[in-house]
C-alpha atoms as a PDB file:
ATOM      1  CA  UNK A   1      14.045  14.631 131.662  1.00  0.00           C
ATOM      2  CA  UNK A   2      10.887  13.865 133.627  1.00  0.00           C
ATOM      3  CA  UNK A   3      11.329  12.767 137.226  1.00  0.00           C
ATOM      4  CA  UNK A   4       8.699  10.295 138.391  1.00  0.00           C
ATOM      5  CA  UNK A   5       8.892  11.533 141.994  1.00  0.00           C
ATOM      6  CA  UNK A   6       7.696  14.975 140.810  1.00  0.00           C
ATOM      7  CA  UNK A   7       4.469  13.502 139.453  1.00  0.00           C
ATOM      8  CA  UNK A   8       1.760  11.573 141.251  1.00  0.00           C
ATOM      9  CA  UNK A   9       0.129   8.638 139.472  1.00  0.00           C
ATOM     10  CA  UNK A  10      -3.020   9.576 137.547  1.00  0.00           C
ATOM     11  CA  UNK A  11      -5.022   7.320 139.875  1.00  0.00           C
ATOM     12  CA  UNK A  12      -4.063   5.139 142.860  1.00  0.00           C
ATOM     13  CA  UNK A  13      -1.632   2.378 141.800  1.00  0.00           C
ATOM     14  CA  UNK A  14      -3.819  -0.405 143.224  1.00  0.00           C
ATOM     15  CA  UNK A  15      -6.729   0.614 140.955  1.00  0.00           C
ATOM     16  CA  UNK A  16      -6.919  -0.980 137.503  1.00  0.00           C
ATOM     17  CA  UNK A  17      -8.969   1.858 135.961  1.00  0.00           C
ATOM     18  CA  UNK A  18     -11.265   4.697 137.024  1.00  0.00           C
ATOM     19  CA  UNK A  19     -14.420   2.621 136.591  1.00  0.00           C
ATOM     20  CA  UNK A  20     -13.126   0.296 139.351  1.00  0.00           C
ATOM     21  CA  UNK A  21     -13.120   3.117 141.930  1.00  0.00           C
ATOM     22  CA  UNK A  22     -15.937   2.753 144.462  1.00  0.00           C
ATOM     23  CA  UNK A  23     -17.934   5.537 146.077  1.00  0.00           C
ATOM     24  CA  UNK A  24     -19.389   8.878 145.162  1.00  0.00           C
ATOM     25  CA  UNK A  25     -17.655  11.173 142.669  1.00  0.00           C
ATOM     26  CA  UNK A  26     -16.835  14.842 143.109  1.00  0.00           C
ATOM     27  CA  UNK A  27     -15.047  17.342 140.904  1.00  0.00           C
ATOM     28  CA  UNK A  28     -12.507  19.136 143.070  1.00  0.00           C
ATOM     29  CA  UNK A  29     -11.613  22.658 141.962  1.00  0.00           C
ATOM     30  CA  UNK A  30      -8.138  23.242 143.402  1.00  0.00           C
ATOM     31  CA  UNK A  31      -6.202  26.377 144.098  1.00  0.00           C
ATOM     32  CA  UNK A  32      -3.989  27.356 141.161  1.00  0.00           C
ATOM     33  CA  UNK A  33      -1.240  24.774 140.499  1.00  0.00           C
ATOM     34  CA  UNK A  34      -2.215  22.550 143.432  1.00  0.00           C
ATOM     35  CA  UNK A  35      -3.477  19.574 141.400  1.00  0.00           C
ATOM     36  CA  UNK A  36      -0.391  17.367 141.853  1.00  0.00           C
ATOM     37  CA  UNK A  37       0.022  18.284 145.527  1.00  0.00           C
ATOM     38  CA  UNK A  38      -3.612  17.372 146.169  1.00  0.00           C
ATOM     39  CA  UNK A  39      -3.169  14.081 144.280  1.00  0.00           C
ATOM     40  CA  UNK A  40      -0.160  13.245 146.498  1.00  0.00           C
ATOM     41  CA  UNK A  41      -2.278  14.091 149.593  1.00  0.00           C
ATOM     42  CA  UNK A  42      -5.121  11.847 148.381  1.00  0.00           C
ATOM     43  CA  UNK A  43      -2.660   9.050 147.612  1.00  0.00           C
ATOM     44  CA  UNK A  44      -1.181   9.297 151.131  1.00  0.00           C
ATOM     45  CA  UNK A  45      -4.700   9.166 152.613  1.00  0.00           C
ATOM     46  CA  UNK A  46      -5.733   6.182 150.424  1.00  0.00           C
ATOM     47  CA  UNK A  47      -8.526   8.209 148.809  1.00  0.00           C
ATOM     48  CA  UNK A  48      -9.590   7.392 145.251  1.00  0.00           C
ATOM     49  CA  UNK A  49      -8.903  10.051 142.630  1.00  0.00           C
ATOM     50  CA  UNK A  50      -8.200  10.615 138.957  1.00  0.00           C
ATOM     51  CA  UNK A  51      -5.835  13.326 137.700  1.00  0.00           C
ATOM     52  CA  UNK A  52      -5.445  13.064 133.913  1.00  0.00           C
ATOM     53  CA  UNK A  53      -2.045  14.470 132.870  1.00  0.00           C
ATOM     54  CA  UNK A  54      -0.308  15.046 129.556  1.00  0.00           C
ATOM     55  CA  UNK A  55       3.311  15.757 128.712  1.00  0.00           C
ATOM     56  CA  UNK A  56       4.003  19.326 127.658  1.00  0.00           C
ATOM     57  CA  UNK A  57       7.198  20.848 126.286  1.00  0.00           C
ATOM     58  CA  UNK A  58       7.986  24.422 127.233  1.00  0.00           C
ATOM     59  CA  UNK A  59      10.914  26.702 126.506  1.00  0.00           C
ATOM     60  CA  UNK A  60      12.645  28.331 129.458  1.00  0.00           C
ATOM     61  CA  UNK A  61      16.028  30.031 129.380  1.00  0.00           C
ATOM     62  CA  UNK A  62      16.607  28.776 125.826  1.00  0.00           C
ATOM     63  CA  UNK A  63      16.126  25.148 126.921  1.00  0.00           C
ATOM     64  CA  UNK A  64      13.348  22.695 126.198  1.00  0.00           C
ATOM     65  CA  UNK A  65      11.727  21.380 129.323  1.00  0.00           C
ATOM     66  CA  UNK A  66       9.321  18.448 129.531  1.00  0.00           C
ATOM     67  CA  UNK A  67       6.716  18.319 132.253  1.00  0.00           C
ATOM     68  CA  UNK A  68       3.590  16.358 133.045  1.00  0.00           C
ATOM     69  CA  UNK A  69       0.751  18.849 133.313  1.00  0.00           C
ATOM     70  CA  UNK A  70      -2.900  18.342 134.275  1.00  0.00           C
ATOM     71  CA  UNK A  71      -5.149  18.004 131.231  1.00  0.00           C
ATOM     72  CA  UNK A  72      -7.773  20.056 133.075  1.00  0.00           C
ATOM     73  CA  UNK A  73      -5.892  22.730 135.040  1.00  0.00           C
ATOM     74  CA  UNK A  74      -7.184  23.251 138.605  1.00  0.00           C
ATOM     75  CA  UNK A  75      -9.310  20.077 138.632  1.00  0.00           C
ATOM     76  CA  UNK A  76      -8.910  16.670 140.272  1.00  0.00           C
ATOM     77  CA  UNK A  77     -11.654  14.030 140.235  1.00  0.00           C
ATOM     78  CA  UNK A  78     -12.346  12.500 143.659  1.00  0.00           C
ATOM     79  CA  UNK A  79     -14.065   9.171 144.355  1.00  0.00           C
ATOM     80  CA  UNK A  80     -14.887   8.002 147.853  1.00  0.00           C
ATOM     81  CA  UNK A  81     -17.033   8.575 150.897  1.00  0.00           C
ATOM     82  CA  UNK A  82     -18.327  11.725 152.533  1.00  0.00           C
ATOM     83  CA  UNK A  83     -15.438  11.371 155.003  1.00  0.00           C
ATOM     84  CA  UNK A  84     -12.973  11.293 152.069  1.00  0.00           C
ATOM     85  CA  UNK A  85     -14.544  14.501 150.742  1.00  0.00           C
ATOM     86  CA  UNK A  86     -14.128  16.137 154.143  1.00  0.00           C
ATOM     87  CA  UNK A  87     -10.488  14.987 154.363  1.00  0.00           C
ATOM     88  CA  UNK A  88      -9.899  16.527 150.937  1.00  0.00           C
ATOM     89  CA  UNK A  89     -11.373  19.828 152.087  1.00  0.00           C
ATOM     90  CA  UNK A  90      -8.989  19.914 155.072  1.00  0.00           C
ATOM     91  CA  UNK A  91      -5.882  19.894 152.841  1.00  0.00           C
ATOM     92  CA  UNK A  92      -6.130  23.665 152.286  1.00  0.00           C
ATOM     93  CA  UNK A  93      -5.587  23.049 148.564  1.00  0.00           C
ATOM     94  CA  UNK A  94      -9.252  23.162 147.524  1.00  0.00           C
ATOM     95  CA  UNK A  95     -11.477  26.046 146.368  1.00  0.00           C
ATOM     96  CA  UNK A  96     -14.676  24.087 145.760  1.00  0.00           C
ATOM     97  CA  UNK A  97     -16.029  20.532 145.616  1.00  0.00           C
ATOM     98  CA  UNK A  98     -18.773  19.865 143.059  1.00  0.00           C
ATOM     99  CA  UNK A  99     -20.858  16.687 143.460  1.00  0.00           C
ATOM    100  CA  UNK A 100     -21.360  14.484 140.416  1.00  0.00           C
ATOM    101  CA  UNK A 101     -25.071  13.834 139.968  1.00  0.00           C
ATOM    102  CA  UNK A 102     -25.004  11.274 137.117  1.00  0.00           C
ATOM    103  CA  UNK A 103     -22.265   8.838 138.201  1.00  0.00           C
ATOM    104  CA  UNK A 104     -22.675   6.461 135.241  1.00  0.00           C
ATOM    105  CA  UNK A 105     -22.360   9.228 132.636  1.00  0.00           C
ATOM    106  CA  UNK A 106     -19.412  10.828 134.452  1.00  0.00           C
ATOM    107  CA  UNK A 107     -17.480   7.550 134.783  1.00  0.00           C
ATOM    108  CA  UNK A 108     -18.110   6.842 131.089  1.00  0.00           C
ATOM    109  CA  UNK A 109     -16.736  10.289 130.164  1.00  0.00           C
ATOM    110  CA  UNK A 110     -13.579  10.105 132.270  1.00  0.00           C
ATOM    111  CA  UNK A 111     -13.018   6.481 131.213  1.00  0.00           C
ATOM    112  CA  UNK A 112     -12.802   7.691 127.595  1.00  0.00           C
ATOM    113  CA  UNK A 113     -10.125  10.212 128.658  1.00  0.00           C
ATOM    114  CA  UNK A 114      -8.285   7.476 130.587  1.00  0.00           C
ATOM    115  CA  UNK A 115      -8.385   5.089 127.603  1.00  0.00           C
ATOM    116  CA  UNK A 116      -7.100   7.727 125.177  1.00  0.00           C
ATOM    117  CA  UNK A 117      -4.222   8.673 127.524  1.00  0.00           C
ATOM    118  CA  UNK A 118      -3.439   4.993 128.160  1.00  0.00           C
ATOM    119  CA  UNK A 119      -3.112   4.424 124.417  1.00  0.00           C
ATOM    120  CA  UNK A 120      -0.802   7.441 123.964  1.00  0.00           C
ATOM    121  CA  UNK A 121      -3.397   9.641 122.315  1.00  0.00           C
ATOM    122  CA  UNK A 122      -2.488  13.284 121.876  1.00  0.00           C
ATOM    123  CA  UNK A 123      -5.063  15.185 123.924  1.00  0.00           C
ATOM    124  CA  UNK A 124      -5.573  18.910 124.314  1.00  0.00           C
ATOM    125  CA  UNK A 125      -8.094  20.622 126.545  1.00  0.00           C
ATOM    126  CA  UNK A 126     -11.001  22.301 124.746  1.00  0.00           C
ATOM    127  CA  UNK A 127     -12.825  25.077 126.615  1.00  0.00           C
ATOM    128  CA  UNK A 128     -16.287  24.117 125.344  1.00  0.00           C
ATOM    129  CA  UNK A 129     -17.474  21.048 123.486  1.00  0.00           C
ATOM    130  CA  UNK A 130     -18.182  21.897 119.840  1.00  0.00           C
ATOM    131  CA  UNK A 131     -21.550  21.340 118.249  1.00  0.00           C
ATOM    132  CA  UNK A 132     -21.537  18.195 116.126  1.00  0.00           C
ATOM    133  CA  UNK A 133     -22.498  14.578 115.912  1.00  0.00           C
ATOM    134  CA  UNK A 134     -21.786  11.985 118.551  1.00  0.00           C
ATOM    135  CA  UNK A 135     -19.426   9.389 117.051  1.00  0.00           C
ATOM    136  CA  UNK A 136     -17.509   6.268 118.031  1.00  0.00           C
ATOM    137  CA  UNK A 137     -14.095   5.022 116.926  1.00  0.00           C
ATOM    138  CA  UNK A 138     -14.757   1.756 115.091  1.00  0.00           C
ATOM    139  CA  UNK A 139     -11.215   0.390 114.694  1.00  0.00           C
ATOM    140  CA  UNK A 140      -7.642   0.836 115.861  1.00  0.00           C
ATOM    141  CA  UNK A 141      -6.161   1.436 119.308  1.00  0.00           C
ATOM    142  CA  UNK A 142      -8.907   3.929 120.266  1.00  0.00           C
ATOM    143  CA  UNK A 143     -11.759   1.568 119.288  1.00  0.00           C
ATOM    144  CA  UNK A 144     -14.908   2.124 121.359  1.00  0.00           C
ATOM    145  CA  UNK A 145     -14.133   5.668 122.486  1.00  0.00           C
ATOM    146  CA  UNK A 146     -17.067   8.015 121.913  1.00  0.00           C
ATOM    147  CA  UNK A 147     -17.129  11.771 121.545  1.00  0.00           C
ATOM    148  CA  UNK A 148     -18.298  14.666 119.426  1.00  0.00           C
ATOM    149  CA  UNK A 149     -16.481  14.972 116.123  1.00  0.00           C
ATOM    150  CA  UNK A 150     -15.285  18.068 114.270  1.00  0.00           C
ATOM    151  CA  UNK A 151     -14.072  17.453 110.705  1.00  0.00           C
ATOM    152  CA  UNK A 152     -10.628  18.703 109.713  1.00  0.00           C
ATOM    153  CA  UNK A 153      -9.858  17.343 106.261  1.00  0.00           C
ATOM    154  CA  UNK A 154      -8.597  13.755 106.287  1.00  0.00           C
ATOM    155  CA  UNK A 155      -8.263  13.806 110.065  1.00  0.00           C
ATOM    156  CA  UNK A 156     -10.974  14.437 112.626  1.00  0.00           C
ATOM    157  CA  UNK A 157     -10.919  15.708 116.150  1.00  0.00           C
ATOM    158  CA  UNK A 158     -13.039  13.736 118.581  1.00  0.00           C
ATOM    159  CA  UNK A 159     -13.887  15.841 121.594  1.00  0.00           C
ATOM    160  CA  UNK A 160     -14.172  13.734 124.741  1.00  0.00           C
ATOM    161  CA  UNK A 161     -16.576  15.598 127.024  1.00  0.00           C
ATOM    162  CA  UNK A 162     -16.544  16.121 130.772  1.00  0.00           C
ATOM    163  CA  UNK A 163     -20.038  17.622 131.024  1.00  0.00           C
ATOM    164  CA  UNK A 164     -19.814  18.765 134.625  1.00  0.00           C
ATOM    165  CA  UNK A 165     -16.778  20.946 133.784  1.00  0.00           C
ATOM    166  CA  UNK A 166     -18.232  22.264 130.534  1.00  0.00           C
ATOM    167  CA  UNK A 167     -14.960  21.215 128.919  1.00  0.00           C
ATOM    168  CA  UNK A 168     -13.474  18.386 126.978  1.00  0.00           C
ATOM    169  CA  UNK A 169     -10.286  17.145 125.401  1.00  0.00           C
ATOM    170  CA  UNK A 170      -9.758  16.672 121.683  1.00  0.00           C
ATOM    171  CA  UNK A 171      -8.270  13.494 120.216  1.00  0.00           C
ATOM    172  CA  UNK A 172      -6.993  13.560 116.629  1.00  0.00           C
ATOM    173  CA  UNK A 173      -7.900  10.490 114.551  1.00  0.00           C
ATOM    174  CA  UNK A 174      -8.291   9.406 110.919  1.00  0.00           C
ATOM    175  CA  UNK A 175     -11.774  10.230 109.656  1.00  0.00           C
ATOM    176  CA  UNK A 176     -12.291   6.776 108.145  1.00  0.00           C
ATOM    177  CA  UNK A 177     -12.002   5.193 111.628  1.00  0.00           C
ATOM    178  CA  UNK A 178     -15.147   6.818 113.036  1.00  0.00           C
ATOM    179  CA  UNK A 179     -18.849   6.050 112.776  1.00  0.00           C
ATOM    180  CA  UNK A 180     -21.943   7.958 113.887  1.00  0.00           C
ATOM    181  CA  UNK A 181     -23.614   6.787 117.096  1.00  0.00           C
ATOM    182  CA  UNK A 182     -27.378   6.409 116.714  1.00  0.00           C
END
Protein backbone atom coordinates (compact mmCIF):
# COMPACT_ATOMS: atom_id res chain seq x y z
CA UNK A 1 0.00 0.00 0.00
CA UNK A 2 1.24 3.47 -0.90
CA UNK A 3 1.77 5.90 1.96
CA UNK A 4 1.06 9.51 1.04
CA UNK A 5 3.63 10.83 3.53
CA UNK A 6 6.37 9.00 1.58
CA UNK A 7 5.58 10.96 -1.57
CA UNK A 8 5.63 14.69 -2.17
CA UNK A 9 2.92 16.23 -4.34
CA UNK A 10 3.87 16.50 -8.01
CA UNK A 11 3.65 20.29 -7.71
CA UNK A 12 2.84 22.63 -4.80
CA UNK A 13 -0.73 22.04 -3.54
CA UNK A 14 -1.72 25.70 -3.94
CA UNK A 15 -0.93 25.58 -7.68
CA UNK A 16 -3.73 24.54 -10.05
CA UNK A 17 -1.38 23.35 -12.81
CA UNK A 18 2.21 23.82 -13.98
CA UNK A 19 1.30 26.60 -16.41
CA UNK A 20 0.15 28.69 -13.41
CA UNK A 21 3.65 28.67 -11.87
CA UNK A 22 5.37 32.05 -12.16
CA UNK A 23 9.06 32.69 -12.74
CA UNK A 24 11.92 31.23 -14.68
CA UNK A 25 12.19 27.48 -15.30
CA UNK A 26 15.19 25.26 -14.69
CA UNK A 27 15.73 21.54 -15.09
CA UNK A 28 17.37 20.30 -11.91
CA UNK A 29 19.54 17.20 -12.29
CA UNK A 30 19.55 15.62 -8.83
CA UNK A 31 21.86 13.16 -7.19
CA UNK A 32 20.66 9.58 -7.66
CA UNK A 33 17.32 8.92 -5.90
CA UNK A 34 17.07 12.43 -4.44
CA UNK A 35 14.09 13.62 -6.51
CA UNK A 36 11.45 13.21 -3.78
CA UNK A 37 13.70 14.61 -1.05
CA UNK A 38 14.39 17.68 -3.18
CA UNK A 39 10.66 18.08 -3.89
CA UNK A 40 9.97 18.01 -0.12
CA UNK A 41 12.73 20.64 0.38
CA UNK A 42 11.23 22.87 -2.34
CA UNK A 43 7.76 22.44 -0.85
CA UNK A 44 9.04 23.47 2.60
CA UNK A 45 10.72 26.54 1.06
CA UNK A 46 7.59 27.50 -0.95
CA UNK A 47 9.47 27.15 -4.24
CA UNK A 48 7.56 26.16 -7.37
CA UNK A 49 8.41 22.77 -8.87
CA UNK A 50 7.03 19.90 -10.90
CA UNK A 51 7.98 16.26 -10.25
CA UNK A 52 5.97 13.96 -12.53
CA UNK A 53 5.59 10.53 -10.87
CA UNK A 54 4.05 7.23 -11.91
CA UNK A 55 3.10 4.16 -9.91
CA UNK A 56 5.40 1.20 -10.41
CA UNK A 57 5.04 -2.36 -9.14
CA UNK A 58 8.20 -4.22 -8.20
CA UNK A 59 8.84 -7.65 -6.74
CA UNK A 60 10.95 -7.85 -3.60
CA UNK A 61 11.25 -10.86 -1.33
CA UNK A 62 8.44 -12.61 -3.23
CA UNK A 63 6.04 -9.72 -2.54
CA UNK A 64 4.57 -7.13 -4.87
CA UNK A 65 5.37 -3.61 -3.81
CA UNK A 66 3.78 -0.45 -5.19
CA UNK A 67 5.71 2.79 -5.22
CA UNK A 68 5.43 6.20 -6.80
CA UNK A 69 8.55 6.73 -8.88
CA UNK A 70 9.73 9.77 -10.85
CA UNK A 71 8.82 9.54 -14.53
CA UNK A 72 12.20 11.10 -15.34
CA UNK A 73 14.70 9.66 -12.85
CA UNK A 74 17.13 12.24 -11.40
CA UNK A 75 15.17 15.26 -12.68
CA UNK A 76 12.91 17.82 -11.00
CA UNK A 77 11.57 20.89 -12.82
CA UNK A 78 12.02 24.13 -10.87
CA UNK A 79 10.10 27.38 -11.38
CA UNK A 80 10.93 30.55 -9.50
CA UNK A 81 13.44 33.32 -9.04
CA UNK A 82 17.22 33.35 -9.11
CA UNK A 83 17.08 33.24 -5.30
CA UNK A 84 14.93 30.08 -5.50
CA UNK A 85 17.53 28.52 -7.80
CA UNK A 86 20.27 29.36 -5.31
CA UNK A 87 18.23 27.91 -2.42
CA UNK A 88 17.82 24.72 -4.44
CA UNK A 89 21.57 24.50 -4.99
CA UNK A 90 22.19 24.75 -1.23
CA UNK A 91 20.18 21.58 -0.49
CA UNK A 92 23.18 19.37 -1.35
CA UNK A 93 20.84 17.20 -3.44
CA UNK A 94 21.66 18.75 -6.82
CA UNK A 95 24.28 17.86 -9.46
CA UNK A 96 23.40 20.50 -12.05
CA UNK A 97 20.80 23.16 -12.85
CA UNK A 98 20.00 23.69 -16.53
CA UNK A 99 18.19 26.90 -17.53
CA UNK A 100 15.16 26.62 -19.79
CA UNK A 101 15.61 28.96 -22.75
CA UNK A 102 12.19 28.64 -24.44
CA UNK A 103 9.75 28.93 -21.52
CA UNK A 104 6.58 28.73 -23.64
CA UNK A 105 7.65 25.53 -25.41
CA UNK A 106 8.84 23.94 -22.15
CA UNK A 107 5.61 24.73 -20.26
CA UNK A 108 3.59 23.34 -23.18
CA UNK A 109 5.63 20.10 -23.08
CA UNK A 110 5.39 19.52 -19.33
CA UNK A 111 1.71 20.53 -19.36
CA UNK A 112 1.05 17.63 -21.76
CA UNK A 113 2.77 15.27 -19.29
CA UNK A 114 0.74 16.76 -16.42
CA UNK A 115 -2.55 16.37 -18.34
CA UNK A 116 -1.82 12.75 -19.26
CA UNK A 117 -0.92 11.86 -15.64
CA UNK A 118 -3.98 13.75 -14.35
CA UNK A 119 -6.21 11.68 -16.62
CA UNK A 120 -4.63 8.38 -15.48
CA UNK A 121 -2.68 7.80 -18.67
CA UNK A 122 -0.12 5.02 -18.59
CA UNK A 123 3.21 6.75 -19.22
CA UNK A 124 6.67 5.27 -19.62
CA UNK A 125 9.90 7.17 -20.07
CA UNK A 126 11.45 6.97 -23.55
CA UNK A 127 15.18 7.66 -23.82
CA UNK A 128 14.93 9.54 -27.13
CA UNK A 129 11.93 10.83 -29.02
CA UNK A 130 11.26 8.67 -32.08
CA UNK A 131 11.17 10.08 -35.57
CA UNK A 132 7.60 10.54 -36.76
CA UNK A 133 4.79 12.95 -37.32
CA UNK A 134 3.55 15.46 -34.80
CA UNK A 135 -0.05 14.56 -33.90
CA UNK A 136 -2.84 15.66 -31.59
CA UNK A 137 -5.48 13.62 -29.76
CA UNK A 138 -8.81 14.72 -31.24
CA UNK A 139 -11.27 13.08 -28.82
CA UNK A 140 -11.53 11.36 -25.46
CA UNK A 141 -9.99 12.15 -22.08
CA UNK A 142 -6.59 13.03 -23.62
CA UNK A 143 -8.08 15.46 -26.18
CA UNK A 144 -5.68 18.27 -27.10
CA UNK A 145 -2.47 16.54 -26.05
CA UNK A 146 0.19 16.72 -28.76
CA UNK A 147 3.19 14.51 -29.35
CA UNK A 148 5.06 12.41 -31.88
CA UNK A 149 3.27 9.22 -32.83
CA UNK A 150 4.66 5.74 -33.47
CA UNK A 151 2.18 3.25 -34.96
CA UNK A 152 1.68 -0.09 -33.23
CA UNK A 153 -1.23 -1.83 -34.92
CA UNK A 154 -4.63 -0.64 -33.70
CA UNK A 155 -3.03 1.34 -30.88
CA UNK A 156 -0.50 4.13 -31.16
CA UNK A 157 2.10 5.47 -28.82
CA UNK A 158 2.21 9.24 -28.55
CA UNK A 159 5.58 10.37 -27.28
CA UNK A 160 5.29 13.52 -25.18
CA UNK A 161 8.64 15.30 -25.52
CA UNK A 162 10.72 17.19 -22.99
CA UNK A 163 13.21 18.64 -25.48
CA UNK A 164 15.69 19.99 -22.95
CA UNK A 165 16.16 16.48 -21.49
CA UNK A 166 16.30 14.75 -24.86
CA UNK A 167 13.66 12.39 -23.50
CA UNK A 168 9.95 11.89 -23.52
CA UNK A 169 7.19 9.71 -22.17
CA UNK A 170 4.98 7.47 -24.28
CA UNK A 171 1.19 7.44 -23.95
CA UNK A 172 -0.75 4.53 -25.47
CA UNK A 173 -3.94 5.53 -27.30
CA UNK A 174 -6.33 4.23 -29.97
CA UNK A 175 -5.07 5.16 -33.43
CA UNK A 176 -8.47 6.46 -34.57
CA UNK A 177 -8.35 9.17 -31.86
CA UNK A 178 -5.35 11.02 -33.32
CA UNK A 179 -4.92 13.52 -36.13
CA UNK A 180 -1.83 15.01 -37.78
CA UNK A 181 -0.85 18.53 -36.71
CA UNK A 182 -0.13 20.79 -39.68
